[in-house]
Amino acid sequence: MSAIRVHVHIRGHVQGVFYRASTQRQANALGLRGWVRNLPDGGVEAVFEGEQAAVERMLAWCRQGPPNAYVTAVETRSEPFQGQFTGFAVRY
């Protein structure tokens, strides 16, 4: 198995619904590293690093989000794996 890195932008009603905290909890459960933050345009941005299967499960979760979220788009961009993170953080 090989580790991958994906940069993600999530659009829709994703702020004020615990999207970041829920993303952190899900990423930790899947053993992923990286970060998540709100964007000024109302979206959410995240970087996930980890095993491909775990990242794919995380992306599937991002398309739904927490119960009060309404996701309209998830844009992904593969990036070279860097292994620079020690955990998964919420950035402010």
PDB file of N, CA and C in Angstrom:
ATOM      1  N   MET A   1       0.840  -1.180   0.000  1.00  0.00           N
ATOM      2  CA  MET A   1       0.000   0.000   0.000  1.00  0.00           C
ATOM      3  C   MET A   1       0.881   1.237   0.000  1.00  0.00           C
ATOM      4  N   SER A   2       0.401   2.269  -0.681  1.00  0.00           N
ATOM      5  CA  SER A   2       1.178   3.496  -0.730  1.00  0.00           C
ATOM      6  C   SER A   2       0.354   4.664  -0.198  1.00  0.00           C
ATOM      7  N   ALA A   3       1.059   5.609   0.367  1.00  0.00           N
ATOM      8  CA  ALA A   3       0.407   6.795   0.912  1.00  0.00           C
ATOM      9  C   ALA A   3       0.215   7.821  -0.196  1.00  0.00           C
ATOM     10  N   ILE A   4      -0.887   8.556  -0.098  1.00  0.00           N
ATOM     11  CA  ILE A   4      -1.194   9.599  -1.074  1.00  0.00           C
ATOM     12  C   ILE A   4      -1.558  10.883  -0.335  1.00  0.00           C
ATOM     13  N   ARG A   5      -1.647  11.965  -1.105  1.00  0.00           N
ATOM     14  CA  ARG A   5      -2.044  13.279  -0.582  1.00  0.00           C
ATOM     15  C   ARG A   5      -3.085  13.861  -1.528  1.00  0.00           C
ATOM     16  N   VAL A   6      -4.166  14.390  -0.942  1.00  0.00           N
ATOM     17  CA  VAL A   6      -5.223  15.012  -1.730  1.00  0.00           C
ATOM     18  C   VAL A   6      -5.588  16.347  -1.091  1.00  0.00           C
ATOM     19  N   HIS A   7      -5.679  17.377  -1.927  1.00  0.00           N
ATOM     20  CA  HIS A   7      -6.106  18.715  -1.513  1.00  0.00           C
ATOM     21  C   HIS A   7      -7.567  18.849  -1.946  1.00  0.00           C
ATOM     22  N   VAL A   8      -8.435  19.281  -1.032  1.00  0.00           N
ATOM     23  CA  VAL A   8      -9.880  19.242  -1.270  1.00  0.00           C
ATOM     24  C   VAL A   8     -10.521  20.593  -0.976  1.00  0.00           C
ATOM     25  N   HIS A   9     -11.476  20.984  -1.843  1.00  0.00           N
ATOM     26  CA  HIS A   9     -12.339  22.136  -1.588  1.00  0.00           C
ATOM     27  C   HIS A   9     -13.767  21.636  -1.562  1.00  0.00           C
ATOM     28  N   ILE A  10     -14.483  21.951  -0.480  1.00  0.00           N
ATOM     29  CA  ILE A  10     -15.868  21.510  -0.309  1.00  0.00           C
ATOM     30  C   ILE A  10     -16.756  22.744  -0.360  1.00  0.00           C
ATOM     31  N   ARG A  11     -17.813  22.683  -1.153  1.00  0.00           N
ATOM     32  CA  ARG A  11     -18.734  23.808  -1.323  1.00  0.00           C
ATOM     33  C   ARG A  11     -20.133  23.405  -0.856  1.00  0.00           C
ATOM     34  N   GLY A  12     -20.907  24.409  -0.514  1.00  0.00           N
ATOM     35  CA  GLY A  12     -22.278  24.189  -0.077  1.00  0.00           C
ATOM     36  C   GLY A  12     -22.501  24.848   1.269  1.00  0.00           C
ATOM     37  N   HIS A  13     -23.470  24.346   2.025  1.00  0.00           N
ATOM     38  CA  HIS A  13     -23.719  24.840   3.384  1.00  0.00           C
ATOM     39  C   HIS A  13     -22.841  24.003   4.313  1.00  0.00           C
ATOM     40  N   VAL A  14     -21.578  24.454   4.467  1.00  0.00           N
ATOM     41  CA  VAL A  14     -20.585  23.658   5.191  1.00  0.00           C
ATOM     42  C   VAL A  14     -19.905  24.418   6.320  1.00  0.00           C
ATOM     43  N   GLN A  15     -20.349  25.629   6.583  1.00  0.00           N
ATOM     44  CA  GLN A  15     -19.834  26.372   7.727  1.00  0.00           C
ATOM     45  C   GLN A  15     -20.967  26.555   8.729  1.00  0.00           C
ATOM     46  N   GLY A  16     -20.622  26.509  10.014  1.00  0.00           N
ATOM     47  CA  GLY A  16     -21.620  26.647  11.063  1.00  0.00           C
ATOM     48  C   GLY A  16     -22.397  25.364  11.322  1.00  0.00           C
ATOM     49  N   VAL A  17     -21.892  24.241  10.794  1.00  0.00           N
ATOM     50  CA  VAL A  17     -22.566  22.939  10.971  1.00  0.00           C
ATOM     51  C   VAL A  17     -21.591  21.888  11.521  1.00  0.00           C
ATOM     52  N   PHE A  18     -20.507  22.347  12.129  1.00  0.00           N
ATOM     53  CA  PHE A  18     -19.475  21.470  12.710  1.00  0.00           C
ATOM     54  C   PHE A  18     -18.757  20.621  11.661  1.00  0.00           C
ATOM     55  N   TYR A  19     -18.657  21.162  10.442  1.00  0.00           N
ATOM     56  CA  TYR A  19     -17.977  20.413   9.374  1.00  0.00           C
ATOM     57  C   TYR A  19     -16.508  20.183   9.716  1.00  0.00           C
ATOM     58  N   ARG A  20     -15.809  21.209  10.195  1.00  0.00           N
ATOM     59  CA  ARG A  20     -14.379  21.050  10.497  1.00  0.00           C
ATOM     60  C   ARG A  20     -14.148  20.045  11.614  1.00  0.00           C
ATOM     61  N   ALA A  21     -14.879  20.186  12.708  1.00  0.00           N
ATOM     62  CA  ALA A  21     -14.702  19.273  13.843  1.00  0.00           C
ATOM     63  C   ALA A  21     -15.055  17.846  13.446  1.00  0.00           C
ATOM     64  N   SER A  22     -16.103  17.689  12.666  1.00  0.00           N
ATOM     65  CA  SER A  22     -16.505  16.351  12.213  1.00  0.00           C
ATOM     66  C   SER A  22     -15.478  15.765  11.257  1.00  0.00           C
ATOM     67  N   THR A  23     -14.895  16.621  10.408  1.00  0.00           N
ATOM     68  CA  THR A  23     -13.848  16.169   9.489  1.00  0.00           C
ATOM     69  C   THR A  23     -12.637  15.691  10.282  1.00  0.00           C
ATOM     70  N   GLN A  24     -12.256  16.450  11.298  1.00  0.00           N
ATOM     71  CA  GLN A  24     -11.120  16.055  12.130  1.00  0.00           C
ATOM     72  C   GLN A  24     -11.382  14.706  12.801  1.00  0.00           C
ATOM     73  N   ARG A  25     -12.560  14.530  13.338  1.00  0.00           N
ATOM     74  CA  ARG A  25     -12.914  13.274  14.014  1.00  0.00           C
ATOM     75  C   ARG A  25     -12.874  12.099  13.034  1.00  0.00           C
ATOM     76  N   GLN A  26     -13.427  12.288  11.836  1.00  0.00           N
ATOM     77  CA  GLN A  26     -13.442  11.230  10.829  1.00  0.00           C
ATOM     78  C   GLN A  26     -12.027  10.914  10.340  1.00  0.00           C
ATOM     79  N   ALA A  27     -11.239  11.952  10.085  1.00  0.00           N
ATOM     80  CA  ALA A  27      -9.854  11.753   9.627  1.00  0.00           C
ATOM     81  C   ALA A  27      -9.044  10.991  10.665  1.00  0.00           C
ATOM     82  N   ASN A  28      -9.211  11.356  11.936  1.00  0.00           N
ATOM     83  CA  ASN A  28      -8.495  10.648  13.000  1.00  0.00           C
ATOM     84  C   ASN A  28      -8.925   9.184  13.065  1.00  0.00           C
ATOM     85  N   ALA A  29     -10.211   8.924  12.905  1.00  0.00           N
ATOM     86  CA  ALA A  29     -10.717   7.549  12.933  1.00  0.00           C
ATOM     87  C   ALA A  29     -10.132   6.719  11.795  1.00  0.00           C
ATOM     88  N   LEU A  30      -9.832   7.373  10.675  1.00  0.00           N
ATOM     89  CA  LEU A  30      -9.274   6.672   9.510  1.00  0.00           C
ATOM     90  C   LEU A  30      -7.742   6.661   9.506  1.00  0.00           C
ATOM     91  N   GLY A  31      -7.126   7.287  10.505  1.00  0.00           N
ATOM     92  CA  GLY A  31      -5.667   7.312  10.584  1.00  0.00           C
ATOM     93  C   GLY A  31      -5.011   8.262   9.605  1.00  0.00           C
ATOM     94  N   LEU A  32      -5.730   9.308   9.207  1.00  0.00           N
ATOM     95  CA  LEU A  32      -5.192  10.260   8.245  1.00  0.00           C
ATOM     96  C   LEU A  32      -4.489  11.408   8.953  1.00  0.00           C
ATOM     97  N   ARG A  33      -3.631  12.082   8.221  1.00  0.00           N
ATOM     98  CA  ARG A  33      -2.922  13.260   8.690  1.00  0.00           C
ATOM     99  C   ARG A  33      -3.288  14.420   7.766  1.00  0.00           C
ATOM    100  N   GLY A  34      -3.135  15.655   8.279  1.00  0.00           N
ATOM    101  CA  GLY A  34      -3.403  16.830   7.454  1.00  0.00           C
ATOM    102  C   GLY A  34      -4.095  17.920   8.230  1.00  0.00           C
ATOM    103  N   TRP A  35      -4.980  18.672   7.549  1.00  0.00           N
ATOM    104  CA  TRP A  35      -5.663  19.792   8.185  1.00  0.00           C
ATOM    105  C   TRP A  35      -6.961  20.113   7.452  1.00  0.00           C
ATOM    106  N   VAL A  36      -7.804  20.914   8.129  1.00  0.00           N
ATOM    107  CA  VAL A  36      -9.050  21.408   7.554  1.00  0.00           C
ATOM    108  C   VAL A  36      -9.255  22.836   8.037  1.00  0.00           C
ATOM    109  N   ARG A  37      -9.825  23.700   7.189  1.00  0.00           N
ATOM    110  CA  ARG A  37     -10.099  25.084   7.591  1.00  0.00           C
ATOM    111  C   ARG A  37     -11.270  25.647   6.799  1.00  0.00           C
ATOM    112  N   ASN A  38     -11.915  26.679   7.372  1.00  0.00           N
ATOM    113  CA  ASN A  38     -12.951  27.410   6.665  1.00  0.00           C
ATOM    114  C   ASN A  38     -12.308  28.368   5.679  1.00  0.00           C
ATOM    115  N   LEU A  39     -13.017  28.659   4.593  1.00  0.00           N
ATOM    116  CA  LEU A  39     -12.573  29.630   3.609  1.00  0.00           C
ATOM    117  C   LEU A  39     -13.458  30.871   3.677  1.00  0.00           C
ATOM    118  N   PRO A  40     -12.928  32.034   3.304  1.00  0.00           N
ATOM    119  CA  PRO A  40     -13.725  33.261   3.336  1.00  0.00           C
ATOM    120  C   PRO A  40     -14.977  33.203   2.443  1.00  0.00           C
ATOM    121  N   ASP A  41     -14.954  32.365   1.410  1.00  0.00           N
ATOM    122  CA  ASP A  41     -16.102  32.285   0.496  1.00  0.00           C
ATOM    123  C   ASP A  41     -17.217  31.369   0.995  1.00  0.00           C
ATOM    124  N   GLY A  42     -17.073  30.828   2.213  1.00  0.00           N
ATOM    125  CA  GLY A  42     -18.103  29.959   2.778  1.00  0.00           C
ATOM    126  C   GLY A  42     -17.839  28.482   2.595  1.00  0.00           C
ATOM    127  N   GLY A  43     -16.786  28.144   1.892  1.00  0.00           N
ATOM    128  CA  GLY A  43     -16.423  26.743   1.688  1.00  0.00           C
ATOM    129  C   GLY A  43     -15.473  26.247   2.763  1.00  0.00           C
ATOM    130  N   VAL A  44     -15.044  25.021   2.593  1.00  0.00           N
ATOM    131  CA  VAL A  44     -14.082  24.394   3.492  1.00  0.00           C
ATOM    132  C   VAL A  44     -12.963  23.810   2.638  1.00  0.00           C
ATOM    133  N   GLU A  45     -11.737  23.927   3.118  1.00  0.00           N
ATOM    134  CA  GLU A  45     -10.553  23.402   2.432  1.00  0.00           C
ATOM    135  C   GLU A  45      -9.876  22.404   3.354  1.00  0.00           C
ATOM    136  N   ALA A  46      -9.342  21.333   2.784  1.00  0.00           N
ATOM    137  CA  ALA A  46      -8.654  20.327   3.588  1.00  0.00           C
ATOM    138  C   ALA A  46      -7.543  19.678   2.786  1.00  0.00           C
ATOM    139  N   VAL A  47      -6.569  19.145   3.507  1.00  0.00           N
ATOM    140  CA  VAL A  47      -5.518  18.313   2.926  1.00  0.00           C
ATOM    141  C   VAL A  47      -5.512  17.010   3.713  1.00  0.00           C
ATOM    142  N   PHE A  48      -5.573  15.894   2.987  1.00  0.00           N
ATOM    143  CA  PHE A  48      -5.547  14.569   3.610  1.00  0.00           C
ATOM    144  C   PHE A  48      -4.339  13.804   3.116  1.00  0.00           C
ATOM    145  N   GLU A  49      -3.579  13.211   4.030  1.00  0.00           N
ATOM    146  CA  GLU A  49      -2.484  12.317   3.684  1.00  0.00           C
ATOM    147  C   GLU A  49      -2.691  10.996   4.404  1.00  0.00           C
ATOM    148  N   GLY A  50      -2.464   9.914   3.676  1.00  0.00           N
ATOM    149  CA  GLY A  50      -2.574   8.589   4.274  1.00  0.00           C
ATOM    150  C   GLY A  50      -2.709   7.525   3.213  1.00  0.00           C
ATOM    151  N   GLU A  51      -3.065   6.326   3.662  1.00  0.00           N
ATOM    152  CA  GLU A  51      -3.239   5.215   2.733  1.00  0.00           C
ATOM    153  C   GLU A  51      -4.384   5.515   1.770  1.00  0.00           C
ATOM    154  N   GLN A  52      -4.236   5.100   0.537  1.00  0.00           N
ATOM    155  CA  GLN A  52      -5.201   5.423  -0.508  1.00  0.00           C
ATOM    156  C   GLN A  52      -6.630   5.032  -0.132  1.00  0.00           C
ATOM    157  N   ALA A  53      -6.827   3.841   0.407  1.00  0.00           N
ATOM    158  CA  ALA A  53      -8.178   3.391   0.762  1.00  0.00           C
ATOM    159  C   ALA A  53      -8.798   4.295   1.822  1.00  0.00           C
ATOM    160  N   ALA A  54      -8.005   4.725   2.796  1.00  0.00           N
ATOM    161  CA  ALA A  54      -8.512   5.599   3.853  1.00  0.00           C
ATOM    162  C   ALA A  54      -8.857   6.979   3.299  1.00  0.00           C
ATOM    163  N   VAL A  55      -8.012   7.501   2.404  1.00  0.00           N
ATOM    164  CA  VAL A  55      -8.290   8.803   1.788  1.00  0.00           C
ATOM    165  C   VAL A  55      -9.571   8.714   0.954  1.00  0.00           C
ATOM    166  N   GLU A  56      -9.751   7.637   0.223  1.00  0.00           N
ATOM    167  CA  GLU A  56     -10.966   7.477  -0.579  1.00  0.00           C
ATOM    168  C   GLU A  56     -12.210   7.423   0.307  1.00  0.00           C
ATOM    169  N   ARG A  57     -12.114   6.753   1.448  1.00  0.00           N
ATOM    170  CA  ARG A  57     -13.239   6.725   2.393  1.00  0.00           C
ATOM    171  C   ARG A  57     -13.517   8.116   2.946  1.00  0.00           C
ATOM    172  N   MET A  58     -12.456   8.882   3.197  1.00  0.00           N
ATOM    173  CA  MET A  58     -12.616  10.249   3.692  1.00  0.00           C
ATOM    174  C   MET A  58     -13.298  11.119   2.650  1.00  0.00           C
ATOM    175  N   LEU A  59     -12.911  10.977   1.399  1.00  0.00           N
ATOM    176  CA  LEU A  59     -13.538  11.763   0.336  1.00  0.00           C
ATOM    177  C   LEU A  59     -15.015  11.416   0.194  1.00  0.00           C
ATOM    178  N   ALA A  60     -15.358  10.151   0.342  1.00  0.00           N
ATOM    179  CA  ALA A  60     -16.767   9.744   0.294  1.00  0.00           C
ATOM    180  C   ALA A  60     -17.527  10.404   1.445  1.00  0.00           C
ATOM    181  N   TRP A  61     -16.899  10.450   2.629  1.00  0.00           N
ATOM    182  CA  TRP A  61     -17.539  11.104   3.775  1.00  0.00           C
ATOM    183  C   TRP A  61     -17.726  12.599   3.493  1.00  0.00           C
ATOM    184  N   CYS A  62     -16.717  13.245   2.888  1.00  0.00           N
ATOM    185  CA  CYS A  62     -16.787  14.683   2.596  1.00  0.00           C
ATOM    186  C   CYS A  62     -17.973  15.026   1.702  1.00  0.00           C
ATOM    187  N   ARG A  63     -18.371  14.110   0.840  1.00  0.00           N
ATOM    188  CA  ARG A  63     -19.496  14.371  -0.058  1.00  0.00           C
ATOM    189  C   ARG A  63     -20.827  14.435   0.688  1.00  0.00           C
ATOM    190  N   GLN A  64     -20.864  13.896   1.899  1.00  0.00           N
ATOM    191  CA  GLN A  64     -22.057  13.956   2.747  1.00  0.00           C
ATOM    192  C   GLN A  64     -21.882  14.954   3.881  1.00  0.00           C
ATOM    193  N   GLY A  65     -20.747  14.863   4.581  1.00  0.00           N
ATOM    194  CA  GLY A  65     -20.478  15.728   5.714  1.00  0.00           C
ATOM    195  C   GLY A  65     -21.313  15.370   6.923  1.00  0.00           C
ATOM    196  N   PRO A  66     -21.284  16.222   7.951  1.00  0.00           N
ATOM    197  CA  PRO A  66     -22.068  15.977   9.160  1.00  0.00           C
ATOM    198  C   PRO A  66     -23.561  16.192   8.885  1.00  0.00           C
ATOM    199  N   PRO A  67     -24.417  15.818   9.829  1.00  0.00           N
ATOM    200  CA  PRO A  67     -25.864  15.826   9.592  1.00  0.00           C
ATOM    201  C   PRO A  67     -26.468  17.135   9.072  1.00  0.00           C
ATOM    202  N   ASN A  68     -26.027  18.294   9.527  1.00  0.00           N
ATOM    203  CA  ASN A  68     -26.647  19.549   9.095  1.00  0.00           C
ATOM    204  C   ASN A  68     -25.986  20.198   7.886  1.00  0.00           C
ATOM    205  N   ALA A  69     -24.990  19.551   7.321  1.00  0.00           N
ATOM    206  CA  ALA A  69     -24.311  20.091   6.139  1.00  0.00           C
ATOM    207  C   ALA A  69     -25.099  19.760   4.877  1.00  0.00           C
ATOM    208  N   TYR A  70     -24.925  20.617   3.862  1.00  0.00           N
ATOM    209  CA  TYR A  70     -25.480  20.361   2.539  1.00  0.00           C
ATOM    210  C   TYR A  70     -24.347  20.600   1.550  1.00  0.00           C
ATOM    211  N   VAL A  71     -23.744  19.528   1.074  1.00  0.00           N
ATOM    212  CA  VAL A  71     -22.582  19.616   0.201  1.00  0.00           C
ATOM    213  C   VAL A  71     -23.041  19.658  -1.252  1.00  0.00           C
ATOM    214  N   THR A  72     -22.586  20.671  -1.992  1.00  0.00           N
ATOM    215  CA  THR A  72     -22.935  20.791  -3.406  1.00  0.00           C
ATOM    216  C   THR A  72     -21.790  20.389  -4.328  1.00  0.00           C
ATOM    217  N   ALA A  73     -20.547  20.444  -3.833  1.00  0.00           N
ATOM    218  CA  ALA A  73     -19.400  20.077  -4.670  1.00  0.00           C
ATOM    219  C   ALA A  73     -18.206  19.730  -3.801  1.00  0.00           C
ATOM    220  N   VAL A  74     -17.444  18.738  -4.259  1.00  0.00           N
ATOM    221  CA  VAL A  74     -16.169  18.383  -3.647  1.00  0.00           C
ATOM    222  C   VAL A  74     -15.149  18.319  -4.773  1.00  0.00           C
ATOM    223  N   GLU A  75     -14.234  19.276  -4.770  1.00  0.00           N
ATOM    224  CA  GLU A  75     -13.198  19.349  -5.798  1.00  0.00           C
ATOM    225  C   GLU A  75     -11.910  18.803  -5.203  1.00  0.00           C
ATOM    226  N   THR A  76     -11.287  17.862  -5.898  1.00  0.00           N
ATOM    227  CA  THR A  76     -10.065  17.250  -5.382  1.00  0.00           C
ATOM    228  C   THR A  76      -8.901  17.467  -6.344  1.00  0.00           C
ATOM    229  N   ARG A  77      -7.720  17.572  -5.759  1.00  0.00           N
ATOM    230  CA  ARG A  77      -6.500  17.693  -6.555  1.00  0.00           C
ATOM    231  C   ARG A  77      -5.436  16.816  -5.897  1.00  0.00           C
ATOM    232  N   SER A  78      -4.928  15.853  -6.625  1.00  0.00           N
ATOM    233  CA  SER A  78      -3.847  15.011  -6.111  1.00  0.00           C
ATOM    234  C   SER A  78      -2.561  15.813  -6.070  1.00  0.00           C
ATOM    235  N   GLU A  79      -1.803  15.610  -5.017  1.00  0.00           N
ATOM    236  CA  GLU A  79      -0.513  16.269  -4.847  1.00  0.00           C
ATOM    237  C   GLU A  79       0.506  15.220  -4.434  1.00  0.00           C
ATOM    238  N   PRO A  80       1.788  15.496  -4.600  1.00  0.00           N
ATOM    239  CA  PRO A  80       2.802  14.539  -4.144  1.00  0.00           C
ATOM    240  C   PRO A  80       2.734  14.353  -2.631  1.00  0.00           C
ATOM    241  N   PHE A  81       2.814  13.118  -2.192  1.00  0.00           N
ATOM    242  CA  PHE A  81       2.820  12.827  -0.755  1.00  0.00           C
ATOM    243  C   PHE A  81       4.054  13.466  -0.133  1.00  0.00           C
ATOM    244  N   GLN A  82       3.864  14.159   0.990  1.00  0.00           N
ATOM    245  CA  GLN A  82       4.987  14.833   1.646  1.00  0.00           C
ATOM    246  C   GLN A  82       5.300  14.271   3.027  1.00  0.00           C
ATOM    247  N   GLY A  83       4.320  13.675   3.688  1.00  0.00           N
ATOM    248  CA  GLY A  83       4.561  13.112   5.012  1.00  0.00           C
ATOM    249  C   GLY A  83       4.962  14.137   6.052  1.00  0.00           C
ATOM    250  N   GLN A  84       4.483  15.353   5.900  1.00  0.00           N
ATOM    251  CA  GLN A  84       4.918  16.439   6.778  1.00  0.00           C
ATOM    252  C   GLN A  84       4.072  16.603   8.039  1.00  0.00           C
ATOM    253  N   PHE A  85       2.943  15.932   8.143  1.00  0.00           N
ATOM    254  CA  PHE A  85       2.037  16.130   9.273  1.00  0.00           C
ATOM    255  C   PHE A  85       2.201  15.037  10.318  1.00  0.00           C
ATOM    256  N   THR A  86       2.001  15.421  11.583  1.00  0.00           N
ATOM    257  CA  THR A  86       2.068  14.447  12.669  1.00  0.00           C
ATOM    258  C   THR A  86       0.683  14.055  13.159  1.00  0.00           C
ATOM    259  N   GLY A  87      -0.337  14.751  12.713  1.00  0.00           N
ATOM    260  CA  GLY A  87      -1.713  14.474  13.114  1.00  0.00           C
ATOM    261  C   GLY A  87      -2.665  15.174  12.170  1.00  0.00           C
ATOM    262  N   PHE A  88      -3.916  15.344  12.626  1.00  0.00           N
ATOM    263  CA  PHE A  88      -4.891  16.056  11.806  1.00  0.00           C
ATOM    264  C   PHE A  88      -5.417  17.237  12.608  1.00  0.00           C
ATOM    265  N   ALA A  89      -5.263  18.440  12.061  1.00  0.00           N
ATOM    266  CA  ALA A  89      -5.572  19.671  12.799  1.00  0.00           C
ATOM    267  C   ALA A  89      -6.677  20.472  12.129  1.00  0.00           C
ATOM    268  N   VAL A  90      -7.402  21.210  12.962  1.00  0.00           N
ATOM    269  CA  VAL A  90      -8.312  22.247  12.480  1.00  0.00           C
ATOM    270  C   VAL A  90      -7.504  23.536  12.462  1.00  0.00           C
ATOM    271  N   ARG A  91      -7.445  24.166  11.298  1.00  0.00           N
ATOM    272  CA  ARG A  91      -6.720  25.442  11.177  1.00  0.00           C
ATOM    273  C   ARG A  91      -7.722  26.592  11.227  1.00  0.00           C
ATOM    274  N   TYR A  92      -7.270  27.697  11.802  1.00  0.00           N
ATOM    275  CA  TYR A  92      -8.111  28.883  11.923  1.00  0.00           C
ATOM    276  C   TYR A  92      -7.512  30.055  11.189  1.00  0.00           C
TER     277      TYR A  92
END
